[in-house]
Protein backbone atom coordinates (compact mmCIF):
# COMPACT_ATOMS: atom_id res chain seq x y z
CA UNK A 1 0.00 0.00 0.00
CA UNK A 2 2.89 2.28 0.88
CA UNK A 3 4.47 1.81 -2.56
CA UNK A 4 1.17 2.51 -4.27
CA UNK A 5 0.89 5.86 -2.45
CA UNK A 6 4.48 6.67 -3.30
CA UNK A 7 3.93 5.96 -6.98
CA UNK A 8 0.67 7.98 -7.00
CA UNK A 9 2.49 10.90 -5.41
CA UNK A 10 5.26 10.57 -7.99
CA UNK A 11 2.67 10.53 -10.77
CA UNK A 12 1.11 13.76 -9.45
CA UNK A 13 4.49 15.48 -9.30
CA UNK A 14 5.31 14.29 -12.80
CA UNK A 15 1.97 15.57 -14.09
CA UNK A 16 2.50 18.98 -12.45
CA UNK A 17 6.00 19.22 -13.90
CA UNK A 18 4.73 18.29 -17.35
CA UNK A 19 1.92 20.87 -17.16
CA UNK A 20 4.43 23.51 -16.05
CA UNK A 21 6.50 22.85 -19.16
CA UNK A 22 3.55 22.79 -21.55
CA UNK A 23 1.59 25.82 -20.29
CA UNK A 24 3.43 29.08 -21.08
CA UNK A 25 3.95 31.48 -18.20
CA UNK A 26 1.50 34.36 -17.83
CA UNK A 27 4.29 36.91 -18.42
CA UNK A 28 4.77 35.69 -21.99
CA UNK A 29 1.44 37.11 -23.17
CA UNK A 30 1.44 38.90 -26.48
CA UNK A 31 -0.36 41.99 -27.70
CA UNK A 32 -2.55 41.80 -30.73
CA UNK A 33 -1.16 43.60 -33.77
CA UNK A 34 -3.60 46.49 -33.26
CA UNK A 35 -2.80 46.76 -29.53
CA UNK A 36 0.92 46.97 -30.33
CA UNK A 37 0.26 49.77 -32.83
CA UNK A 38 -1.91 51.63 -30.29
CA UNK A 39 0.95 51.43 -27.78
CA UNK A 40 3.30 52.79 -30.44
CA UNK A 41 0.89 55.72 -31.03
CA UNK A 42 0.89 56.36 -27.26
CA UNK A 43 4.68 56.39 -27.35
CA UNK A 44 4.66 58.81 -30.28
CA UNK A 45 2.35 61.11 -28.33
CA UNK A 46 4.73 61.04 -25.36
CA UNK A 47 7.72 61.90 -27.58
CA UNK A 48 5.89 64.49 -29.67
CA UNK A 49 6.45 68.22 -29.23
CA UNK A 50 3.11 69.03 -30.89
CA UNK A 51 0.41 70.74 -28.81
CA UNK A 52 -2.26 68.03 -29.21
CA UNK A 53 -2.42 64.24 -29.05
CA UNK A 54 -2.61 62.07 -32.17
CA UNK A 55 -5.01 59.16 -32.58
CA UNK A 56 -4.94 56.18 -34.92
CA UNK A 57 -6.89 57.04 -38.06
CA UNK A 58 -6.09 54.06 -40.29
CA UNK A 59 -4.16 50.83 -39.75
CA UNK A 60 -3.00 49.10 -42.89
CA UNK A 61 -3.28 45.33 -43.09
CA UNK A 62 -1.31 43.17 -40.67
CA UNK A 63 1.54 41.30 -42.35
CA UNK A 64 1.25 37.52 -42.27
CA UNK A 65 4.14 35.37 -41.25
CA UNK A 66 6.18 34.93 -38.09
CA UNK A 67 4.01 34.37 -35.01
CA UNK A 68 6.90 34.92 -32.57
CA UNK A 69 5.91 37.94 -30.42
CA UNK A 70 9.59 38.96 -30.09
CA UNK A 71 10.12 39.26 -33.84
CA UNK A 72 9.69 42.86 -35.08
CA UNK A 73 6.59 43.21 -37.27
CA UNK A 74 6.40 45.91 -39.96
CA UNK A 75 3.64 48.47 -39.40
CA UNK A 76 2.10 51.08 -41.65
CA UNK A 77 -0.56 53.41 -40.26
CA UNK A 78 -1.96 56.94 -40.29
CA UNK A 79 -2.59 59.17 -37.28
CA UNK A 80 -4.60 62.39 -37.03
CA UNK A 81 -4.43 65.26 -34.56
CA UNK A 82 -7.13 65.32 -31.87
CA UNK A 83 -8.71 68.12 -29.87
CA UNK A 84 -7.04 66.89 -26.65
CA UNK A 85 -3.93 68.71 -25.47
CA UNK A 86 -0.82 66.61 -24.80
CA UNK A 87 -0.99 67.24 -21.05
CA UNK A 88 -4.45 65.63 -20.77
CA UNK A 89 -4.87 62.46 -18.75
CA UNK A 90 -7.33 61.00 -21.28
CA UNK A 91 -6.24 58.21 -23.62
CA UNK A 92 -6.03 59.40 -27.22
CA UNK A 93 -8.77 56.90 -28.21
CA UNK A 94 -11.27 58.94 -26.17
CA UNK A 95 -10.42 62.21 -27.95
CA UNK A 96 -12.29 63.47 -31.00
CA UNK A 97 -10.38 64.21 -34.17
CA UNK A 98 -9.62 67.88 -34.68
CA UNK A 99 -11.37 69.44 -37.67
CA UNK A 100 -8.64 70.06 -40.27
CA UNK A 101 -6.13 68.45 -37.88
CA UNK A 102 -2.69 67.38 -39.00
CA UNK A 103 -2.48 63.93 -40.58
CA UNK A 104 0.76 61.93 -40.45
CA UNK A 105 1.68 58.67 -42.18
CA UNK A 106 3.84 56.41 -40.02
CA UNK A 107 5.95 53.33 -40.80
CA UNK A 108 8.27 51.18 -38.72
CA UNK A 109 8.30 48.04 -36.61
CA UNK A 110 6.69 46.83 -33.37
CA UNK A 111 6.99 43.69 -31.27
CA UNK A 112 3.96 42.00 -29.77
CA UNK A 113 5.56 40.77 -26.52
CA UNK A 114 4.01 42.60 -23.54
CA UNK A 115 7.09 42.45 -21.33
CA UNK A 116 9.87 43.25 -23.80
CA UNK A 117 7.76 45.03 -26.41
CA UNK A 118 9.27 47.95 -28.28
CA UNK A 119 8.55 50.08 -31.32
CA UNK A 120 10.61 51.94 -33.87
CA UNK A 121 8.29 54.29 -35.78
CA UNK A 122 8.90 57.25 -38.07
CA UNK A 123 6.13 59.59 -39.19
CA UNK A 124 6.34 61.85 -42.22
CA UNK A 125 5.61 65.56 -42.21
CA UNK A 126 1.96 66.54 -42.09
CA UNK A 127 0.14 65.92 -45.36
CA UNK A 128 -1.94 69.06 -45.60
CA UNK A 129 1.15 71.28 -45.43
CA UNK A 130 2.38 69.72 -48.67
CA UNK A 131 -1.04 70.13 -50.24
CA UNK A 132 -1.08 73.85 -49.41
CA UNK A 133 2.40 74.26 -50.84
CA UNK A 134 1.25 72.42 -53.97
CA UNK A 135 -1.88 74.55 -54.26
CA UNK A 136 0.13 77.74 -53.83
CA UNK A 137 2.44 76.67 -56.66
CA UNK A 138 -0.56 75.72 -58.82
CA UNK A 139 -2.26 79.11 -58.32
CA UNK A 140 0.98 81.02 -58.96
CA UNK A 141 1.52 79.20 -62.27
CA UNK A 142 -2.15 79.62 -63.22
CA UNK A 143 -1.92 83.36 -62.55
CA UNK A 144 1.20 83.64 -64.75
CA UNK A 145 -0.50 81.72 -67.57
CA UNK A 146 -3.64 83.87 -67.37
CA UNK A 147 -1.53 87.04 -67.56
CA UNK A 148 0.24 85.65 -70.62
CA UNK A 149 -3.08 84.77 -72.31
CA UNK A 150 -4.45 88.21 -71.38
CA UNK A 151 -1.46 89.94 -73.03
CA UNK A 152 -1.93 87.86 -76.20
CA UNK A 153 -5.67 88.66 -76.37
CA UNK A 154 -4.98 92.36 -75.79
CA UNK A 155 -2.29 92.32 -78.51
CA UNK A 156 -4.62 90.56 -80.94
CA UNK A 157 -7.36 93.19 -80.56
CA UNK A 158 -4.81 96.01 -80.77
CA UNK A 159 -3.57 94.61 -84.11
CA UNK A 160 -7.13 94.16 -85.39
CA UNK A 161 -8.00 97.76 -84.49
CA UNK A 162 -4.87 99.05 -86.27
CA UNK A 163 -5.81 97.26 -89.48
CA UNK A 164 -9.45 98.33 -89.53
CA UNK A 165 -9.91 101.94 -90.63
CA UNK A 166 -11.80 104.13 -88.23
CA UNK A 167 -15.28 104.74 -89.52
CA UNK A 168 -16.95 107.81 -88.11
CA UNK A 169 -20.36 107.05 -86.97
C-alpha atoms as a PDB file:
ATOM      1  CA  UNK A   1       0.000   0.000   0.000  1.00  0.00           C
ATOM      2  CA  UNK A   2       2.887   2.279   0.878  1.00  0.00           C
ATOM      3  CA  UNK A   3       4.471   1.810  -2.563  1.00  0.00           C
ATOM      4  CA  UNK A   4       1.168   2.512  -4.267  1.00  0.00           C
ATOM      5  CA  UNK A   5       0.893   5.858  -2.446  1.00  0.00           C
ATOM      6  CA  UNK A   6       4.480   6.672  -3.303  1.00  0.00           C
ATOM      7  CA  UNK A   7       3.932   5.960  -6.980  1.00  0.00           C
ATOM      8  CA  UNK A   8       0.666   7.983  -6.995  1.00  0.00           C
ATOM      9  CA  UNK A   9       2.494  10.900  -5.412  1.00  0.00           C
ATOM     10  CA  UNK A  10       5.264  10.567  -7.987  1.00  0.00           C
ATOM     11  CA  UNK A  11       2.673  10.533 -10.772  1.00  0.00           C
ATOM     12  CA  UNK A  12       1.113  13.763  -9.455  1.00  0.00           C
ATOM     13  CA  UNK A  13       4.492  15.485  -9.296  1.00  0.00           C
ATOM     14  CA  UNK A  14       5.311  14.285 -12.802  1.00  0.00           C
ATOM     15  CA  UNK A  15       1.972  15.568 -14.086  1.00  0.00           C
ATOM     16  CA  UNK A  16       2.501  18.981 -12.450  1.00  0.00           C
ATOM     17  CA  UNK A  17       6.001  19.220 -13.897  1.00  0.00           C
ATOM     18  CA  UNK A  18       4.732  18.288 -17.352  1.00  0.00           C
ATOM     19  CA  UNK A  19       1.923  20.875 -17.165  1.00  0.00           C
ATOM     20  CA  UNK A  20       4.432  23.507 -16.055  1.00  0.00           C
ATOM     21  CA  UNK A  21       6.502  22.846 -19.163  1.00  0.00           C
ATOM     22  CA  UNK A  22       3.550  22.791 -21.547  1.00  0.00           C
ATOM     23  CA  UNK A  23       1.594  25.821 -20.293  1.00  0.00           C
ATOM     24  CA  UNK A  24       3.427  29.075 -21.079  1.00  0.00           C
ATOM     25  CA  UNK A  25       3.953  31.479 -18.195  1.00  0.00           C
ATOM     26  CA  UNK A  26       1.503  34.360 -17.835  1.00  0.00           C
ATOM     27  CA  UNK A  27       4.295  36.910 -18.419  1.00  0.00           C
ATOM     28  CA  UNK A  28       4.772  35.692 -21.992  1.00  0.00           C
ATOM     29  CA  UNK A  29       1.436  37.106 -23.171  1.00  0.00           C
ATOM     30  CA  UNK A  30       1.439  38.896 -26.481  1.00  0.00           C
ATOM     31  CA  UNK A  31      -0.362  41.986 -27.697  1.00  0.00           C
ATOM     32  CA  UNK A  32      -2.549  41.797 -30.732  1.00  0.00           C
ATOM     33  CA  UNK A  33      -1.161  43.600 -33.772  1.00  0.00           C
ATOM     34  CA  UNK A  34      -3.598  46.494 -33.258  1.00  0.00           C
ATOM     35  CA  UNK A  35      -2.796  46.755 -29.530  1.00  0.00           C
ATOM     36  CA  UNK A  36       0.922  46.972 -30.328  1.00  0.00           C
ATOM     37  CA  UNK A  37       0.255  49.772 -32.834  1.00  0.00           C
ATOM     38  CA  UNK A  38      -1.914  51.634 -30.292  1.00  0.00           C
ATOM     39  CA  UNK A  39       0.951  51.427 -27.780  1.00  0.00           C
ATOM     40  CA  UNK A  40       3.297  52.792 -30.444  1.00  0.00           C
ATOM     41  CA  UNK A  41       0.889  55.718 -31.029  1.00  0.00           C
ATOM     42  CA  UNK A  42       0.886  56.361 -27.256  1.00  0.00           C
ATOM     43  CA  UNK A  43       4.678  56.389 -27.349  1.00  0.00           C
ATOM     44  CA  UNK A  44       4.663  58.806 -30.280  1.00  0.00           C
ATOM     45  CA  UNK A  45       2.349  61.105 -28.329  1.00  0.00           C
ATOM     46  CA  UNK A  46       4.734  61.043 -25.355  1.00  0.00           C
ATOM     47  CA  UNK A  47       7.717  61.903 -27.581  1.00  0.00           C
ATOM     48  CA  UNK A  48       5.887  64.494 -29.675  1.00  0.00           C
ATOM     49  CA  UNK A  49       6.451  68.217 -29.232  1.00  0.00           C
ATOM     50  CA  UNK A  50       3.112  69.032 -30.893  1.00  0.00           C
ATOM     51  CA  UNK A  51       0.415  70.737 -28.812  1.00  0.00           C
ATOM     52  CA  UNK A  52      -2.255  68.030 -29.211  1.00  0.00           C
ATOM     53  CA  UNK A  53      -2.418  64.243 -29.055  1.00  0.00           C
ATOM     54  CA  UNK A  54      -2.615  62.075 -32.168  1.00  0.00           C
ATOM     55  CA  UNK A  55      -5.010  59.158 -32.576  1.00  0.00           C
ATOM     56  CA  UNK A  56      -4.943  56.176 -34.916  1.00  0.00           C
ATOM     57  CA  UNK A  57      -6.893  57.040 -38.064  1.00  0.00           C
ATOM     58  CA  UNK A  58      -6.092  54.057 -40.288  1.00  0.00           C
ATOM     59  CA  UNK A  59      -4.156  50.834 -39.748  1.00  0.00           C
ATOM     60  CA  UNK A  60      -2.997  49.101 -42.892  1.00  0.00           C
ATOM     61  CA  UNK A  61      -3.280  45.328 -43.088  1.00  0.00           C
ATOM     62  CA  UNK A  62      -1.313  43.173 -40.675  1.00  0.00           C
ATOM     63  CA  UNK A  63       1.539  41.297 -42.353  1.00  0.00           C
ATOM     64  CA  UNK A  64       1.247  37.524 -42.267  1.00  0.00           C
ATOM     65  CA  UNK A  65       4.141  35.368 -41.252  1.00  0.00           C
ATOM     66  CA  UNK A  66       6.179  34.933 -38.094  1.00  0.00           C
ATOM     67  CA  UNK A  67       4.007  34.373 -35.015  1.00  0.00           C
ATOM     68  CA  UNK A  68       6.895  34.918 -32.569  1.00  0.00           C
ATOM     69  CA  UNK A  69       5.913  37.941 -30.423  1.00  0.00           C
ATOM     70  CA  UNK A  70       9.591  38.962 -30.091  1.00  0.00           C
ATOM     71  CA  UNK A  71      10.121  39.257 -33.843  1.00  0.00           C
ATOM     72  CA  UNK A  72       9.688  42.858 -35.077  1.00  0.00           C
ATOM     73  CA  UNK A  73       6.590  43.210 -37.272  1.00  0.00           C
ATOM     74  CA  UNK A  74       6.402  45.909 -39.957  1.00  0.00           C
ATOM     75  CA  UNK A  75       3.640  48.469 -39.404  1.00  0.00           C
ATOM     76  CA  UNK A  76       2.103  51.084 -41.646  1.00  0.00           C
ATOM     77  CA  UNK A  77      -0.558  53.408 -40.262  1.00  0.00           C
ATOM     78  CA  UNK A  78      -1.957  56.936 -40.288  1.00  0.00           C
ATOM     79  CA  UNK A  79      -2.594  59.174 -37.277  1.00  0.00           C
ATOM     80  CA  UNK A  80      -4.596  62.386 -37.034  1.00  0.00           C
ATOM     81  CA  UNK A  81      -4.435  65.256 -34.564  1.00  0.00           C
ATOM     82  CA  UNK A  82      -7.132  65.315 -31.873  1.00  0.00           C
ATOM     83  CA  UNK A  83      -8.715  68.121 -29.873  1.00  0.00           C
ATOM     84  CA  UNK A  84      -7.043  66.888 -26.647  1.00  0.00           C
ATOM     85  CA  UNK A  85      -3.927  68.715 -25.467  1.00  0.00           C
ATOM     86  CA  UNK A  86      -0.816  66.612 -24.801  1.00  0.00           C
ATOM     87  CA  UNK A  87      -0.991  67.244 -21.049  1.00  0.00           C
ATOM     88  CA  UNK A  88      -4.446  65.634 -20.769  1.00  0.00           C
ATOM     89  CA  UNK A  89      -4.874  62.460 -18.748  1.00  0.00           C
ATOM     90  CA  UNK A  90      -7.334  61.002 -21.277  1.00  0.00           C
ATOM     91  CA  UNK A  91      -6.238  58.209 -23.616  1.00  0.00           C
ATOM     92  CA  UNK A  92      -6.033  59.400 -27.224  1.00  0.00           C
ATOM     93  CA  UNK A  93      -8.768  56.903 -28.210  1.00  0.00           C
ATOM     94  CA  UNK A  94     -11.269  58.945 -26.167  1.00  0.00           C
ATOM     95  CA  UNK A  95     -10.423  62.212 -27.947  1.00  0.00           C
ATOM     96  CA  UNK A  96     -12.291  63.471 -30.996  1.00  0.00           C
ATOM     97  CA  UNK A  97     -10.382  64.206 -34.171  1.00  0.00           C
ATOM     98  CA  UNK A  98      -9.616  67.883 -34.683  1.00  0.00           C
ATOM     99  CA  UNK A  99     -11.375  69.443 -37.671  1.00  0.00           C
ATOM    100  CA  UNK A 100      -8.638  70.063 -40.271  1.00  0.00           C
ATOM    101  CA  UNK A 101      -6.130  68.454 -37.877  1.00  0.00           C
ATOM    102  CA  UNK A 102      -2.685  67.375 -39.004  1.00  0.00           C
ATOM    103  CA  UNK A 103      -2.478  63.925 -40.584  1.00  0.00           C
ATOM    104  CA  UNK A 104       0.761  61.927 -40.446  1.00  0.00           C
ATOM    105  CA  UNK A 105       1.681  58.673 -42.184  1.00  0.00           C
ATOM    106  CA  UNK A 106       3.843  56.412 -40.016  1.00  0.00           C
ATOM    107  CA  UNK A 107       5.950  53.330 -40.801  1.00  0.00           C
ATOM    108  CA  UNK A 108       8.266  51.183 -38.718  1.00  0.00           C
ATOM    109  CA  UNK A 109       8.299  48.038 -36.607  1.00  0.00           C
ATOM    110  CA  UNK A 110       6.694  46.827 -33.369  1.00  0.00           C
ATOM    111  CA  UNK A 111       6.992  43.686 -31.271  1.00  0.00           C
ATOM    112  CA  UNK A 112       3.956  42.001 -29.771  1.00  0.00           C
ATOM    113  CA  UNK A 113       5.558  40.769 -26.522  1.00  0.00           C
ATOM    114  CA  UNK A 114       4.008  42.604 -23.542  1.00  0.00           C
ATOM    115  CA  UNK A 115       7.093  42.452 -21.333  1.00  0.00           C
ATOM    116  CA  UNK A 116       9.875  43.252 -23.795  1.00  0.00           C
ATOM    117  CA  UNK A 117       7.763  45.029 -26.412  1.00  0.00           C
ATOM    118  CA  UNK A 118       9.267  47.945 -28.279  1.00  0.00           C
ATOM    119  CA  UNK A 119       8.546  50.077 -31.316  1.00  0.00           C
ATOM    120  CA  UNK A 120      10.612  51.945 -33.869  1.00  0.00           C
ATOM    121  CA  UNK A 121       8.294  54.286 -35.776  1.00  0.00           C
ATOM    122  CA  UNK A 122       8.903  57.251 -38.073  1.00  0.00           C
ATOM    123  CA  UNK A 123       6.134  59.593 -39.193  1.00  0.00           C
ATOM    124  CA  UNK A 124       6.344  61.852 -42.218  1.00  0.00           C
ATOM    125  CA  UNK A 125       5.611  65.559 -42.215  1.00  0.00           C
ATOM    126  CA  UNK A 126       1.956  66.544 -42.090  1.00  0.00           C
ATOM    127  CA  UNK A 127       0.142  65.925 -45.364  1.00  0.00           C
ATOM    128  CA  UNK A 128      -1.941  69.060 -45.597  1.00  0.00           C
ATOM    129  CA  UNK A 129       1.149  71.284 -45.435  1.00  0.00           C
ATOM    130  CA  UNK A 130       2.379  69.721 -48.666  1.00  0.00           C
ATOM    131  CA  UNK A 131      -1.044  70.135 -50.236  1.00  0.00           C
ATOM    132  CA  UNK A 132      -1.081  73.847 -49.405  1.00  0.00           C
ATOM    133  CA  UNK A 133       2.399  74.265 -50.843  1.00  0.00           C
ATOM    134  CA  UNK A 134       1.254  72.422 -53.972  1.00  0.00           C
ATOM    135  CA  UNK A 135      -1.884  74.554 -54.256  1.00  0.00           C
ATOM    136  CA  UNK A 136       0.134  77.735 -53.828  1.00  0.00           C
ATOM    137  CA  UNK A 137       2.435  76.675 -56.665  1.00  0.00           C
ATOM    138  CA  UNK A 138      -0.562  75.722 -58.824  1.00  0.00           C
ATOM    139  CA  UNK A 139      -2.258  79.107 -58.325  1.00  0.00           C
ATOM    140  CA  UNK A 140       0.980  81.019 -58.958  1.00  0.00           C
ATOM    141  CA  UNK A 141       1.520  79.199 -62.266  1.00  0.00           C
ATOM    142  CA  UNK A 142      -2.145  79.624 -63.224  1.00  0.00           C
ATOM    143  CA  UNK A 143      -1.924  83.363 -62.554  1.00  0.00           C
ATOM    144  CA  UNK A 144       1.196  83.640 -64.749  1.00  0.00           C
ATOM    145  CA  UNK A 145      -0.496  81.721 -67.575  1.00  0.00           C
ATOM    146  CA  UNK A 146      -3.635  83.873 -67.365  1.00  0.00           C
ATOM    147  CA  UNK A 147      -1.530  87.042 -67.559  1.00  0.00           C
ATOM    148  CA  UNK A 148       0.245  85.655 -70.622  1.00  0.00           C
ATOM    149  CA  UNK A 149      -3.080  84.770 -72.308  1.00  0.00           C
ATOM    150  CA  UNK A 150      -4.450  88.212 -71.380  1.00  0.00           C
ATOM    151  CA  UNK A 151      -1.460  89.938 -73.033  1.00  0.00           C
ATOM    152  CA  UNK A 152      -1.930  87.856 -76.197  1.00  0.00           C
ATOM    153  CA  UNK A 153      -5.673  88.662 -76.374  1.00  0.00           C
ATOM    154  CA  UNK A 154      -4.982  92.358 -75.787  1.00  0.00           C
ATOM    155  CA  UNK A 155      -2.285  92.321 -78.512  1.00  0.00           C
ATOM    156  CA  UNK A 156      -4.616  90.562 -80.937  1.00  0.00           C
ATOM    157  CA  UNK A 157      -7.358  93.191 -80.564  1.00  0.00           C
ATOM    158  CA  UNK A 158      -4.809  96.011 -80.775  1.00  0.00           C
ATOM    159  CA  UNK A 159      -3.567  94.613 -84.109  1.00  0.00           C
ATOM    160  CA  UNK A 160      -7.131  94.163 -85.391  1.00  0.00           C
ATOM    161  CA  UNK A 161      -7.999  97.757 -84.489  1.00  0.00           C
ATOM    162  CA  UNK A 162      -4.869  99.046 -86.274  1.00  0.00           C
ATOM    163  CA  UNK A 163      -5.813  97.258 -89.485  1.00  0.00           C
ATOM    164  CA  UNK A 164      -9.448  98.327 -89.529  1.00  0.00           C
ATOM    165  CA  UNK A 165      -9.905 101.941 -90.629  1.00  0.00           C
ATOM    166  CA  UNK A 166     -11.798 104.127 -88.229  1.00  0.00           C
ATOM    167  CA  UNK A 167     -15.283 104.739 -89.522  1.00  0.00           C
ATOM    168  CA  UNK A 168     -16.951 107.805 -88.109  1.00  0.00           C
ATOM    169  CA  UNK A 169     -20.359 107.054 -86.966  1.00  0.00           C
END
